[in-house]
Amino acid sequence: MKTPRRGFAGIVYRAHHPMWAYDALSGNGAKKYGGRFNRPGCAALYTAIDPTTAWMEAQQGFSFKPQPMTLVAYEAICKDIVDLNDGDVLKSLGCSALDLGCPWEYMATQNQEPSTWLLVDRLLHLGIAGILVRSFAPGCTANNQNLVLWKWTEAESNTVRIIDDFGRLPKTRGSWLGE
């Protein structure tokens, strides 16, 4: 069965540590450390469909003691997206909802490959640019949705553009440091 692809067009959000707001499109943090849907060395842009989910993703279970964040909105127009909320799509990929919620961080520290990393390897091989998937951040439900991208640009078929009409985001790390 061919993996069903869909498009996505809309506004998505990320909550950043304020110091990294100048680099809001890079995916470098995910590339360096890895994440649920990307192994270290693979850049990923984790975004949320709504601001509340972005906040919960950034706080990662520490919502009782919120830390400062910079909320950034993006306009996303992407092709080649797979909807992992669809049970039939998951089944066609040999995956389950339980696989998506695997304890990926623990597995990685035990030198095990998380099932989500193996899934992403397959999707990348198929030319998939990203996924729609529920958030697994503490306190989130199936209603909290993320768009995770591995292939994006500011111009082309998987376009992600920061919405900063008034130029409020810093342009360099030095601007954060007062340089």
Protein backbone atom coordinates (compact mmCIF):
# COMPACT_ATOMS: atom_id res chain seq x y z
CA MET A 1 0.00 0.00 0.00
CA LYS A 2 1.25 3.46 -0.90
CA THR A 3 1.64 5.75 2.12
CA PRO A 4 -1.17 8.33 1.97
CA ARG A 5 0.23 11.86 1.82
CA ARG A 6 -1.63 15.05 2.46
CA GLY A 7 -0.91 18.71 2.50
CA PHE A 8 -0.96 21.10 5.40
CA ALA A 9 -1.57 24.83 5.23
CA GLY A 10 -2.00 26.95 8.32
CA ILE A 11 -0.47 28.74 11.24
CA VAL A 12 1.69 26.70 13.62
CA TYR A 13 3.53 27.69 16.80
CA ARG A 14 6.68 27.02 18.81
CA ALA A 15 7.60 28.21 22.26
CA HIS A 16 11.34 28.85 22.47
CA HIS A 17 13.80 29.59 25.20
CA PRO A 18 14.12 33.35 24.56
CA MET A 19 17.86 33.06 23.88
CA TRP A 20 17.22 30.85 20.83
CA ALA A 21 14.46 32.96 19.28
CA TYR A 22 16.95 34.36 16.73
CA ASP A 23 17.35 30.83 15.30
CA ALA A 24 13.66 29.96 15.18
CA LEU A 25 13.77 28.12 11.84
CA SER A 26 16.92 26.03 12.20
CA GLY A 27 15.93 22.76 13.90
CA ASN A 28 19.50 22.66 15.24
CA GLY A 29 18.52 21.83 18.82
CA ALA A 30 16.60 18.78 17.65
CA LYS A 31 19.48 17.85 15.35
CA LYS A 32 21.98 18.04 18.20
CA TYR A 33 19.99 16.20 20.86
CA GLY A 34 17.37 14.21 18.97
CA GLY A 35 13.70 14.05 19.83
CA ARG A 36 10.74 11.72 19.79
CA PHE A 37 10.54 11.96 15.99
CA ASN A 38 14.17 12.49 15.02
CA ARG A 39 17.42 10.85 15.94
CA PRO A 40 20.49 12.97 16.76
CA GLY A 41 21.99 14.23 13.50
CA CYS A 42 18.59 14.68 11.84
CA ALA A 43 17.25 18.23 11.94
CA ALA A 44 13.58 18.60 12.82
CA LEU A 45 11.23 21.51 13.27
CA TYR A 46 8.72 20.67 15.99
CA THR A 47 5.65 22.89 15.82
CA ALA A 48 2.20 22.78 17.39
CA ILE A 49 -1.15 23.47 15.80
CA ASP A 50 -2.17 25.78 18.66
CA PRO A 51 -0.33 28.04 21.15
CA THR A 52 -1.40 26.00 24.20
CA THR A 53 0.18 22.83 22.81
CA ALA A 54 3.37 24.77 21.95
CA TRP A 55 3.54 25.97 25.55
CA MET A 56 2.99 22.48 26.97
CA GLU A 57 5.60 21.01 24.63
CA ALA A 58 8.16 23.60 25.74
CA GLN A 59 7.44 23.12 29.44
CA GLN A 60 7.65 19.30 29.19
CA GLY A 61 5.89 18.53 32.43
CA PHE A 62 7.01 21.57 34.38
CA SER A 63 3.78 23.51 33.93
CA PHE A 64 3.59 23.94 37.72
CA LYS A 65 6.61 26.24 37.48
CA PRO A 66 6.44 27.93 34.06
CA GLN A 67 9.67 29.27 32.64
CA PRO A 68 10.00 32.27 30.28
CA MET A 69 9.33 31.41 26.65
CA THR A 70 9.12 33.28 23.37
CA LEU A 71 6.08 32.17 21.38
CA VAL A 72 6.71 32.27 17.64
CA ALA A 73 4.05 31.77 14.96
CA TYR A 74 4.83 30.37 11.52
CA GLU A 75 2.93 30.17 8.28
CA ALA A 76 3.30 26.61 6.99
CA ILE A 77 2.35 25.39 3.53
CA CYS A 78 3.62 21.85 3.18
CA LYS A 79 3.18 18.87 0.89
CA ASP A 80 4.15 15.30 1.59
CA ILE A 81 2.78 15.16 5.13
CA VAL A 82 1.63 11.90 6.71
CA ASP A 83 -1.17 11.99 9.28
CA LEU A 84 -0.16 9.64 12.09
CA ASN A 85 -3.50 10.26 13.80
CA ASP A 86 -5.08 7.97 11.21
CA GLY A 87 -5.12 4.38 12.48
CA ASP A 88 -5.18 2.96 8.94
CA VAL A 89 -2.08 4.96 8.01
CA LEU A 90 -0.29 3.74 11.15
CA LYS A 91 -1.26 0.16 10.36
CA SER A 92 0.02 0.51 6.77
CA LEU A 93 3.35 1.65 8.23
CA GLY A 94 3.51 -1.32 10.60
CA CYS A 95 3.16 0.99 13.57
CA SER A 96 0.70 1.57 16.41
CA ALA A 97 -0.31 4.43 18.66
CA LEU A 98 1.64 2.69 21.44
CA ASP A 99 4.77 2.82 19.28
CA LEU A 100 4.34 6.58 18.89
CA GLY A 101 4.17 7.03 22.66
CA CYS A 102 7.25 4.89 23.37
CA PRO A 103 9.66 6.06 26.10
CA TRP A 104 12.09 7.28 23.46
CA GLU A 105 14.46 9.14 25.79
CA TYR A 106 14.89 6.14 28.08
CA MET A 107 15.37 3.81 25.12
CA ALA A 108 18.03 6.09 23.64
CA THR A 109 19.96 6.17 26.92
CA GLN A 110 19.86 2.35 26.91
CA ASN A 111 21.35 2.24 23.40
CA GLN A 112 18.04 1.04 21.95
CA GLU A 113 16.53 2.56 18.84
CA PRO A 114 13.11 3.99 19.65
CA SER A 115 10.35 2.76 17.36
CA THR A 116 9.64 6.37 16.41
CA TRP A 117 13.16 6.81 15.04
CA LEU A 118 12.78 3.69 12.91
CA LEU A 119 9.43 4.98 11.65
CA VAL A 120 10.98 8.33 10.71
CA ASP A 121 13.80 6.53 8.87
CA ARG A 122 11.15 4.78 6.74
CA LEU A 123 9.21 8.00 6.14
CA LEU A 124 12.32 9.92 5.11
CA HIS A 125 13.20 7.10 2.70
CA LEU A 126 9.73 7.54 1.15
CA GLY A 127 10.35 11.28 0.66
CA ILE A 128 7.96 12.38 3.40
CA ALA A 129 8.60 15.93 4.65
CA GLY A 130 6.80 15.67 7.99
CA ILE A 131 3.97 14.33 10.10
CA LEU A 132 0.83 15.42 11.85
CA VAL A 133 0.79 13.67 15.20
CA ARG A 134 -0.64 14.11 18.66
CA SER A 135 1.51 15.65 21.36
CA PHE A 136 2.92 13.33 23.98
CA ALA A 137 3.91 16.16 26.34
CA PRO A 138 2.61 15.66 29.88
CA GLY A 139 -0.96 16.92 30.23
CA CYS A 140 -1.68 16.73 26.50
CA THR A 141 -4.46 14.67 24.93
CA ALA A 142 -5.18 13.48 21.40
CA ASN A 143 -6.65 16.95 20.78
CA ASN A 144 -3.19 18.53 21.17
CA GLN A 145 -1.60 18.22 17.73
CA ASN A 146 1.89 18.79 16.35
CA LEU A 147 3.31 19.26 12.88
CA VAL A 148 6.84 17.86 12.86
CA LEU A 149 8.97 18.58 9.78
CA TRP A 150 12.26 17.12 8.57
CA LYS A 151 12.29 18.96 5.25
CA TRP A 152 11.35 22.62 5.17
CA THR A 153 12.48 25.85 3.59
CA GLU A 154 11.36 29.43 3.30
CA ALA A 155 10.60 28.90 -0.41
CA GLU A 156 9.58 25.72 -2.26
CA SER A 157 7.09 22.93 -1.67
CA ASN A 158 7.47 22.73 2.11
CA THR A 159 7.43 26.37 3.07
CA VAL A 160 7.67 27.55 6.66
CA ARG A 161 7.91 31.28 7.24
CA ILE A 162 8.22 33.03 10.58
CA ILE A 163 5.50 35.59 11.18
CA ASP A 164 7.38 38.64 12.44
CA ASP A 165 5.85 41.56 10.58
CA PHE A 166 7.33 44.12 12.97
CA GLY A 167 10.85 42.63 13.22
CA ARG A 168 10.61 41.90 16.93
CA LEU A 169 12.64 38.68 16.95
CA PRO A 170 16.39 39.07 17.46
CA LYS A 171 18.52 38.51 14.36
CA THR A 172 21.65 37.11 16.04
CA ARG A 173 22.67 35.47 19.28
CA GLY A 174 24.66 38.59 20.00
CA SER A 175 21.48 40.65 20.12
CA TRP A 176 20.33 38.45 23.01
CA LEU A 177 23.62 39.02 24.78
CA GLY A 178 23.45 42.79 24.28
CA GLU A 179 26.21 42.93 21.65
